């Protein structure tokens, strides 16, 4: 079974660069890469009000993304600290 293609919006890439420590950035990147193999891992939560958007935790940070099963793509929309990411 082939994996999903990862797409990261430019705004999400900037948010990733702004993450506090290098270790946090590395863990977030590893989590994003894992989404290519399993787009809905254990612990993922569907966002209310959307049919295809999810969020996954990585420490104090959240990764908000969209899964398009027909095109086999995962699009990362937002990366941020849990206190700010939903604003």
PDB file of N, CA and C in Angstrom:
ATOM      1  N   UNK A   1       0.850  -1.184   0.000  1.00  0.00           N
ATOM      2  CA  UNK A   1       0.000   0.000   0.000  1.00  0.00           C
ATOM      3  C   UNK A   1       0.891   1.241   0.000  1.00  0.00           C
ATOM      4  N   UNK A   2       0.695   2.088  -0.969  1.00  0.00           N
ATOM      5  CA  UNK A   2       1.497   3.304  -1.090  1.00  0.00           C
ATOM      6  C   UNK A   2       1.058   4.318  -0.044  1.00  0.00           C
ATOM      7  N   UNK A   3       1.998   5.156   0.380  1.00  0.00           N
ATOM      8  CA  UNK A   3       1.705   6.169   1.376  1.00  0.00           C
ATOM      9  C   UNK A   3       1.030   7.383   0.768  1.00  0.00           C
ATOM     10  N   UNK A   4       0.780   8.345   1.611  1.00  0.00           N
ATOM     11  CA  UNK A   4       0.167   9.592   1.190  1.00  0.00           C
ATOM     12  C   UNK A   4       1.258  10.608   0.878  1.00  0.00           C
ATOM     13  N   UNK A   5       0.939  11.522  -0.003  1.00  0.00           N
ATOM     14  CA  UNK A   5       1.855  12.599  -0.349  1.00  0.00           C
ATOM     15  C   UNK A   5       1.670  13.731   0.659  1.00  0.00           C
ATOM     16  N   UNK A   6       2.766  14.301   1.129  1.00  0.00           N
ATOM     17  CA  UNK A   6       2.710  15.389   2.103  1.00  0.00           C
ATOM     18  C   UNK A   6       2.816  16.739   1.414  1.00  0.00           C
ATOM     19  N   UNK A   7       1.928  17.636   1.758  1.00  0.00           N
ATOM     20  CA  UNK A   7       1.977  19.018   1.292  1.00  0.00           C
ATOM     21  C   UNK A   7       1.955  19.913   2.527  1.00  0.00           C
ATOM     22  N   UNK A   8       2.806  20.914   2.540  1.00  0.00           N
ATOM     23  CA  UNK A   8       2.853  21.833   3.680  1.00  0.00           C
ATOM     24  C   UNK A   8       2.651  23.245   3.151  1.00  0.00           C
ATOM     25  N   UNK A   9       1.619  23.912   3.663  1.00  0.00           N
ATOM     26  CA  UNK A   9       1.370  25.286   3.252  1.00  0.00           C
ATOM     27  C   UNK A   9       2.537  26.157   3.694  1.00  0.00           C
ATOM     28  N   UNK A  10       2.787  27.223   2.961  1.00  0.00           N
ATOM     29  CA  UNK A  10       3.896  28.124   3.271  1.00  0.00           C
ATOM     30  C   UNK A  10       3.748  28.711   4.676  1.00  0.00           C
ATOM     31  N   UNK A  11       2.518  29.033   5.062  1.00  0.00           N
ATOM     32  CA  UNK A  11       2.298  29.596   6.400  1.00  0.00           C
ATOM     33  C   UNK A  11       2.643  28.573   7.486  1.00  0.00           C
ATOM     34  N   UNK A  12       2.350  27.299   7.251  1.00  0.00           N
ATOM     35  CA  UNK A  12       2.685  26.258   8.224  1.00  0.00           C
ATOM     36  C   UNK A  12       4.195  26.060   8.305  1.00  0.00           C
ATOM     37  N   UNK A  13       4.896  26.196   7.187  1.00  0.00           N
ATOM     38  CA  UNK A  13       6.353  26.077   7.191  1.00  0.00           C
ATOM     39  C   UNK A  13       6.971  27.204   8.025  1.00  0.00           C
ATOM     40  N   UNK A  14       6.417  28.417   7.923  1.00  0.00           N
ATOM     41  CA  UNK A  14       6.903  29.535   8.735  1.00  0.00           C
ATOM     42  C   UNK A  14       6.634  29.278  10.213  1.00  0.00           C
ATOM     43  N   UNK A  15       5.464  28.721  10.506  1.00  0.00           N
ATOM     44  CA  UNK A  15       5.133  28.419  11.897  1.00  0.00           C
ATOM     45  C   UNK A  15       6.076  27.357  12.453  1.00  0.00           C
ATOM     46  N   UNK A  16       6.462  26.402  11.635  1.00  0.00           N
ATOM     47  CA  UNK A  16       7.401  25.365  12.065  1.00  0.00           C
ATOM     48  C   UNK A  16       8.767  25.981  12.382  1.00  0.00           C
ATOM     49  N   UNK A  17       9.213  26.911  11.550  1.00  0.00           N
ATOM     50  CA  UNK A  17      10.497  27.571  11.791  1.00  0.00           C
ATOM     51  C   UNK A  17      10.486  28.385  13.081  1.00  0.00           C
ATOM     52  N   UNK A  18       9.305  28.843  13.494  1.00  0.00           N
ATOM     53  CA  UNK A  18       9.184  29.676  14.689  1.00  0.00           C
ATOM     54  C   UNK A  18       9.070  28.862  15.976  1.00  0.00           C
ATOM     55  N   UNK A  19       8.975  27.535  15.859  1.00  0.00           N
ATOM     56  CA  UNK A  19       8.860  26.687  17.049  1.00  0.00           C
ATOM     57  C   UNK A  19      10.121  26.845  17.892  1.00  0.00           C
ATOM     58  N   UNK A  20       9.921  26.894  19.200  1.00  0.00           N
ATOM     59  CA  UNK A  20      10.960  27.195  20.171  1.00  0.00           C
ATOM     60  C   UNK A  20      12.311  26.536  20.001  1.00  0.00           C
ATOM     61  N   UNK A  21      12.416  25.234  20.201  1.00  0.00           N
ATOM     62  CA  UNK A  21      13.728  24.590  20.205  1.00  0.00           C
ATOM     63  C   UNK A  21      13.911  23.673  19.002  1.00  0.00           C
ATOM     64  N   UNK A  22      15.166  23.408  18.700  1.00  0.00           N
ATOM     65  CA  UNK A  22      15.485  22.522  17.584  1.00  0.00           C
ATOM     66  C   UNK A  22      14.939  21.114  17.835  1.00  0.00           C
ATOM     67  N   UNK A  23      14.992  20.653  19.065  1.00  0.00           N
ATOM     68  CA  UNK A  23      14.476  19.317  19.402  1.00  0.00           C
ATOM     69  C   UNK A  23      12.976  19.247  19.158  1.00  0.00           C
ATOM     70  N   UNK A  24      12.231  20.299  19.519  1.00  0.00           N
ATOM     71  CA  UNK A  24      10.787  20.330  19.258  1.00  0.00           C
ATOM     72  C   UNK A  24      10.507  20.297  17.760  1.00  0.00           C
ATOM     73  N   UNK A  25      11.271  21.074  16.988  1.00  0.00           N
ATOM     74  CA  UNK A  25      11.084  21.084  15.531  1.00  0.00           C
ATOM     75  C   UNK A  25      11.336  19.705  14.945  1.00  0.00           C
ATOM     76  N   UNK A  26      12.376  19.039  15.419  1.00  0.00           N
ATOM     77  CA  UNK A  26      12.719  17.707  14.914  1.00  0.00           C
ATOM     78  C   UNK A  26      11.589  16.714  15.200  1.00  0.00           C
ATOM     79  N   UNK A  27      11.029  16.769  16.418  1.00  0.00           N
ATOM     80  CA  UNK A  27       9.937  15.861  16.768  1.00  0.00           C
ATOM     81  C   UNK A  27       8.688  16.145  15.936  1.00  0.00           C
ATOM     82  N   UNK A  28       8.412  17.419  15.676  1.00  0.00           N
ATOM     83  CA  UNK A  28       7.252  17.784  14.856  1.00  0.00           C
ATOM     84  C   UNK A  28       7.435  17.277  13.429  1.00  0.00           C
ATOM     85  N   UNK A  29       8.633  17.440  12.875  1.00  0.00           N
ATOM     86  CA  UNK A  29       8.902  16.966  11.513  1.00  0.00           C
ATOM     87  C   UNK A  29       8.754  15.451  11.444  1.00  0.00           C
ATOM     88  N   UNK A  30       9.230  14.736  12.459  1.00  0.00           N
ATOM     89  CA  UNK A  30       9.079  13.279  12.482  1.00  0.00           C
ATOM     90  C   UNK A  30       7.604  12.891  12.509  1.00  0.00           C
ATOM     91  N   UNK A  31       6.802  13.619  13.299  1.00  0.00           N
ATOM     92  CA  UNK A  31       5.363  13.331  13.374  1.00  0.00           C
ATOM     93  C   UNK A  31       4.690  13.596  12.034  1.00  0.00           C
ATOM     94  N   UNK A  32       5.078  14.678  11.359  1.00  0.00           N
ATOM     95  CA  UNK A  32       4.504  14.996  10.053  1.00  0.00           C
ATOM     96  C   UNK A  32       4.862  13.907   9.040  1.00  0.00           C
ATOM     97  N   UNK A  33       6.106  13.454   9.034  1.00  0.00           N
ATOM     98  CA  UNK A  33       6.514  12.377   8.119  1.00  0.00           C
ATOM     99  C   UNK A  33       5.730  11.101   8.384  1.00  0.00           C
ATOM    100  N   UNK A  34       5.433  10.821   9.639  1.00  0.00           N
ATOM    101  CA  UNK A  34       4.664   9.626   9.984  1.00  0.00           C
ATOM    102  C   UNK A  34       3.239   9.704   9.435  1.00  0.00           C
ATOM    103  N   UNK A  35       2.718  10.927   9.252  1.00  0.00           N
ATOM    104  CA  UNK A  35       1.368  11.083   8.704  1.00  0.00           C
ATOM    105  C   UNK A  35       1.287  10.601   7.263  1.00  0.00           C
ATOM    106  N   UNK A  36       2.401  10.575   6.553  1.00  0.00           N
ATOM    107  CA  UNK A  36       2.398  10.089   5.166  1.00  0.00           C
ATOM    108  C   UNK A  36       2.076   8.599   5.127  1.00  0.00           C
ATOM    109  N   UNK A  37       2.500   7.858   6.135  1.00  0.00           N
ATOM    110  CA  UNK A  37       2.232   6.420   6.173  1.00  0.00           C
ATOM    111  C   UNK A  37       0.867   6.130   6.782  1.00  0.00           C
ATOM    112  N   UNK A  38       0.555   6.814   7.886  1.00  0.00           N
ATOM    113  CA  UNK A  38      -0.718   6.601   8.581  1.00  0.00           C
ATOM    114  C   UNK A  38      -1.339   7.972   8.840  1.00  0.00           C
ATOM    115  N   UNK A  39      -2.241   8.434   7.970  1.00  0.00           N
ATOM    116  CA  UNK A  39      -2.786   9.786   8.115  1.00  0.00           C
ATOM    117  C   UNK A  39      -3.717   9.974   9.311  1.00  0.00           C
ATOM    118  N   UNK A  40      -4.237   8.884   9.847  1.00  0.00           N
ATOM    119  CA  UNK A  40      -5.101   8.978  11.026  1.00  0.00           C
ATOM    120  C   UNK A  40      -4.565   8.064  12.125  1.00  0.00           C
ATOM    121  N   UNK A  41      -3.435   8.445  12.743  1.00  0.00           N
ATOM    122  CA  UNK A  41      -2.826   7.588  13.772  1.00  0.00           C
ATOM    123  C   UNK A  41      -3.654   7.587  15.050  1.00  0.00           C
ATOM    124  N   UNK A  42      -3.302   6.714  15.956  1.00  0.00           N
ATOM    125  CA  UNK A  42      -3.955   6.683  17.256  1.00  0.00           C
ATOM    126  C   UNK A  42      -3.732   8.020  17.949  1.00  0.00           C
ATOM    127  N   UNK A  43      -4.783   8.563  18.542  1.00  0.00           N
ATOM    128  CA  UNK A  43      -4.680   9.841  19.230  1.00  0.00           C
ATOM    129  C   UNK A  43      -5.078  11.034  18.390  1.00  0.00           C
ATOM    130  N   UNK A  44      -5.343  10.821  17.108  1.00  0.00           N
ATOM    131  CA  UNK A  44      -5.756  11.921  16.244  1.00  0.00           C
ATOM    132  C   UNK A  44      -7.192  12.308  16.588  1.00  0.00           C
ATOM    133  N   UNK A  45      -7.504  13.599  16.461  1.00  0.00           N
ATOM    134  CA  UNK A  45      -8.864  14.057  16.711  1.00  0.00           C
ATOM    135  C   UNK A  45      -9.362  14.833  15.510  1.00  0.00           C
ATOM    136  N   UNK A  46     -10.605  14.557  15.140  1.00  0.00           N
ATOM    137  CA  UNK A  46     -11.254  15.263  14.042  1.00  0.00           C
ATOM    138  C   UNK A  46     -11.690  16.630  14.560  1.00  0.00           C
ATOM    139  N   UNK A  47     -11.474  17.671  13.774  1.00  0.00           N
ATOM    140  CA  UNK A  47     -11.872  19.014  14.185  1.00  0.00           C
ATOM    141  C   UNK A  47     -13.361  19.209  13.956  1.00  0.00           C
ATOM    142  N   UNK A  48     -14.029  19.761  14.934  1.00  0.00           N
ATOM    143  CA  UNK A  48     -15.460  20.027  14.832  1.00  0.00           C
ATOM    144  C   UNK A  48     -15.716  21.059  13.741  1.00  0.00           C
ATOM    145  N   UNK A  49     -16.755  20.843  12.973  1.00  0.00           N
ATOM    146  CA  UNK A  49     -17.125  21.789  11.931  1.00  0.00           C
ATOM    147  C   UNK A  49     -16.488  21.517  10.583  1.00  0.00           C
ATOM    148  N   UNK A  50     -15.624  20.515  10.494  1.00  0.00           N
ATOM    149  CA  UNK A  50     -14.958  20.167   9.239  1.00  0.00           C
ATOM    150  C   UNK A  50     -15.154  18.687   8.959  1.00  0.00           C
ATOM    151  N   UNK A  51     -15.265  18.354   7.690  1.00  0.00           N
ATOM    152  CA  UNK A  51     -15.457  16.954   7.317  1.00  0.00           C
ATOM    153  C   UNK A  51     -14.141  16.198   7.203  1.00  0.00           C
ATOM    154  N   UNK A  52     -13.060  16.916   6.944  1.00  0.00           N
ATOM    155  CA  UNK A  52     -11.813  16.225   6.612  1.00  0.00           C
ATOM    156  C   UNK A  52     -10.573  16.811   7.286  1.00  0.00           C
ATOM    157  N   UNK A  53     -10.746  17.594   8.346  1.00  0.00           N
ATOM    158  CA  UNK A  53      -9.586  18.183   9.032  1.00  0.00           C
ATOM    159  C   UNK A  53      -9.390  17.516  10.383  1.00  0.00           C
ATOM    160  N   UNK A  54      -8.113  17.337  10.698  1.00  0.00           N
ATOM    161  CA  UNK A  54      -7.741  16.631  11.915  1.00  0.00           C
ATOM    162  C   UNK A  54      -6.648  17.399  12.632  1.00  0.00           C
ATOM    163  N   UNK A  55      -6.406  17.008  13.884  1.00  0.00           N
ATOM    164  CA  UNK A  55      -5.280  17.560  14.624  1.00  0.00           C
ATOM    165  C   UNK A  55      -4.616  16.420  15.367  1.00  0.00           C
ATOM    166  N   UNK A  56      -3.302  16.543  15.476  1.00  0.00           N
ATOM    167  CA  UNK A  56      -2.521  15.554  16.196  1.00  0.00           C
ATOM    168  C   UNK A  56      -1.594  16.305  17.143  1.00  0.00           C
ATOM    169  N   UNK A  57      -1.361  15.720  18.297  1.00  0.00           N
ATOM    170  CA  UNK A  57      -0.517  16.338  19.316  1.00  0.00           C
ATOM    171  C   UNK A  57       0.933  15.919  19.145  1.00  0.00           C
ATOM    172  N   UNK A  58       1.821  16.845  19.428  1.00  0.00           N
ATOM    173  CA  UNK A  58       3.245  16.547  19.541  1.00  0.00           C
ATOM    174  C   UNK A  58       3.763  17.406  20.680  1.00  0.00           C
ATOM    175  N   UNK A  59       3.771  16.846  21.862  1.00  0.00           N
ATOM    176  CA  UNK A  59       4.152  17.614  23.042  1.00  0.00           C
ATOM    177  C   UNK A  59       3.145  18.726  23.280  1.00  0.00           C
ATOM    178  N   UNK A  60       3.632  19.942  23.431  1.00  0.00           N
ATOM    179  CA  UNK A  60       2.757  21.096  23.641  1.00  0.00           C
ATOM    180  C   UNK A  60       2.281  21.707  22.336  1.00  0.00           C
ATOM    181  N   UNK A  61       2.654  21.113  21.239  1.00  0.00           N
ATOM    182  CA  UNK A  61       2.312  21.653  19.922  1.00  0.00           C
ATOM    183  C   UNK A  61       1.220  20.828  19.263  1.00  0.00           C
ATOM    184  N   UNK A  62       0.495  21.475  18.345  1.00  0.00           N
ATOM    185  CA  UNK A  62      -0.562  20.807  17.600  1.00  0.00           C
ATOM    186  C   UNK A  62      -0.289  20.978  16.117  1.00  0.00           C
ATOM    187  N   UNK A  63      -0.604  19.943  15.358  1.00  0.00           N
ATOM    188  CA  UNK A  63      -0.473  19.964  13.903  1.00  0.00           C
ATOM    189  C   UNK A  63      -1.877  19.791  13.353  1.00  0.00           C
ATOM    190  N   UNK A  64      -2.355  20.784  12.624  1.00  0.00           N
ATOM    191  CA  UNK A  64      -3.691  20.745  12.040  1.00  0.00           C
ATOM    192  C   UNK A  64      -3.528  20.444  10.555  1.00  0.00           C
ATOM    193  N   UNK A  65      -4.257  19.432  10.071  1.00  0.00           N
ATOM    194  CA  UNK A  65      -4.061  19.005   8.689  1.00  0.00           C
ATOM    195  C   UNK A  65      -5.346  18.484   8.071  1.00  0.00           C
ATOM    196  N   UNK A  66      -5.332  18.372   6.759  1.00  0.00           N
ATOM    197  CA  UNK A  66      -6.459  17.882   5.964  1.00  0.00           C
ATOM    198  C   UNK A  66      -6.032  16.590   5.294  1.00  0.00           C
ATOM    199  N   UNK A  67      -6.929  15.615   5.242  1.00  0.00           N
ATOM    200  CA  UNK A  67      -6.653  14.355   4.564  1.00  0.00           C
ATOM    201  C   UNK A  67      -7.575  14.251   3.359  1.00  0.00           C
ATOM    202  N   UNK A  68      -6.982  14.070   2.181  1.00  0.00           N
ATOM    203  CA  UNK A  68      -7.737  13.859   0.940  1.00  0.00           C
ATOM    204  C   UNK A  68      -7.461  12.436   0.482  1.00  0.00           C
ATOM    205  N   UNK A  69      -8.385  11.528   0.810  1.00  0.00           N
ATOM    206  CA  UNK A  69      -8.182  10.116   0.497  1.00  0.00           C
ATOM    207  C   UNK A  69      -8.235   9.836  -1.004  1.00  0.00           C
ATOM    208  N   UNK A  70      -9.038  10.567  -1.738  1.00  0.00           N
ATOM    209  CA  UNK A  70      -9.141  10.315  -3.178  1.00  0.00           C
ATOM    210  C   UNK A  70      -7.841  10.659  -3.909  1.00  0.00           C
ATOM    211  N   UNK A  71      -7.163  11.717  -3.469  1.00  0.00           N
ATOM    212  CA  UNK A  71      -5.884  12.108  -4.094  1.00  0.00           C
ATOM    213  C   UNK A  71      -4.684  11.574  -3.314  1.00  0.00           C
ATOM    214  N   UNK A  72      -4.948  10.944  -2.159  1.00  0.00           N
ATOM    215  CA  UNK A  72      -3.909  10.381  -1.287  1.00  0.00           C
ATOM    216  C   UNK A  72      -2.904  11.462  -0.892  1.00  0.00           C
ATOM    217  N   UNK A  73      -3.456  12.562  -0.339  1.00  0.00           N
ATOM    218  CA  UNK A  73      -2.629  13.683   0.086  1.00  0.00           C
ATOM    219  C   UNK A  73      -2.964  14.079   1.523  1.00  0.00           C
ATOM    220  N   UNK A  74      -1.945  14.501   2.237  1.00  0.00           N
ATOM    221  CA  UNK A  74      -2.092  15.095   3.564  1.00  0.00           C
ATOM    222  C   UNK A  74      -1.529  16.508   3.462  1.00  0.00           C
ATOM    223  N   UNK A  75      -2.364  17.506   3.746  1.00  0.00           N
ATOM    224  CA  UNK A  75      -1.953  18.902   3.665  1.00  0.00           C
ATOM    225  C   UNK A  75      -1.878  19.482   5.068  1.00  0.00           C
ATOM    226  N   UNK A  76      -0.703  19.936   5.457  1.00  0.00           N
ATOM    227  CA  UNK A  76      -0.492  20.537   6.775  1.00  0.00           C
ATOM    228  C   UNK A  76      -0.911  22.001   6.685  1.00  0.00           C
ATOM    229  N   UNK A  77      -1.886  22.394   7.529  1.00  0.00           N
ATOM    230  CA  UNK A  77      -2.404  23.757   7.499  1.00  0.00           C
ATOM    231  C   UNK A  77      -1.794  24.653   8.557  1.00  0.00           C
ATOM    232  N   UNK A  78      -1.600  24.113   9.744  1.00  0.00           N
ATOM    233  CA  UNK A  78      -1.190  24.976  10.849  1.00  0.00           C
ATOM    234  C   UNK A  78      -0.376  24.164  11.841  1.00  0.00           C
ATOM    235  N   UNK A  79       0.658  24.795  12.374  1.00  0.00           N
ATOM    236  CA  UNK A  79       1.492  24.203  13.412  1.00  0.00           C
ATOM    237  C   UNK A  79       1.674  25.272  14.472  1.00  0.00           C
ATOM    238  N   UNK A  80       1.363  24.946  15.711  1.00  0.00           N
ATOM    239  CA  UNK A  80       1.541  25.952  16.745  1.00  0.00           C
ATOM    240  C   UNK A  80       1.384  25.391  18.133  1.00  0.00           C
ATOM    241  N   UNK A  81       1.701  26.244  19.099  1.00  0.00           N
ATOM    242  CA  UNK A  81       1.552  25.878  20.501  1.00  0.00           C
ATOM    243  C   UNK A  81       0.072  25.693  20.792  1.00  0.00           C
ATOM    244  N   UNK A  82      -0.243  24.802  21.690  1.00  0.00           N
ATOM    245  CA  UNK A  82      -1.636  24.453  21.941  1.00  0.00           C
ATOM    246  C   UNK A  82      -2.482  25.635  22.396  1.00  0.00           C
ATOM    247  N   UNK A  83      -1.874  26.644  23.019  1.00  0.00           N
ATOM    248  CA  UNK A  83      -2.651  27.792  23.486  1.00  0.00           C
ATOM    249  C   UNK A  83      -3.005  28.749  22.352  1.00  0.00           C
ATOM    250  N   UNK A  84      -2.282  28.675  21.216  1.00  0.00           N
ATOM    251  CA  UNK A  84      -2.489  29.635  20.140  1.00  0.00           C
ATOM    252  C   UNK A  84      -3.026  29.037  18.842  1.00  0.00           C
ATOM    253  N   UNK A  85      -2.920  27.754  18.655  1.00  0.00           N
ATOM    254  CA  UNK A  85      -3.133  27.163  17.333  1.00  0.00           C
ATOM    255  C   UNK A  85      -4.563  27.274  16.816  1.00  0.00           C
ATOM    256  N   UNK A  86      -5.543  27.346  17.672  1.00  0.00           N
ATOM    257  CA  UNK A  86      -6.929  27.365  17.216  1.00  0.00           C
ATOM    258  C   UNK A  86      -7.487  28.760  17.016  1.00  0.00           C
ATOM    259  N   UNK A  87      -6.697  29.782  17.224  1.00  0.00           N
ATOM    260  CA  UNK A  87      -7.174  31.167  17.078  1.00  0.00           C
ATOM    261  C   UNK A  87      -7.136  31.611  15.652  1.00  0.00           C
TER     262      UNK A  87
END
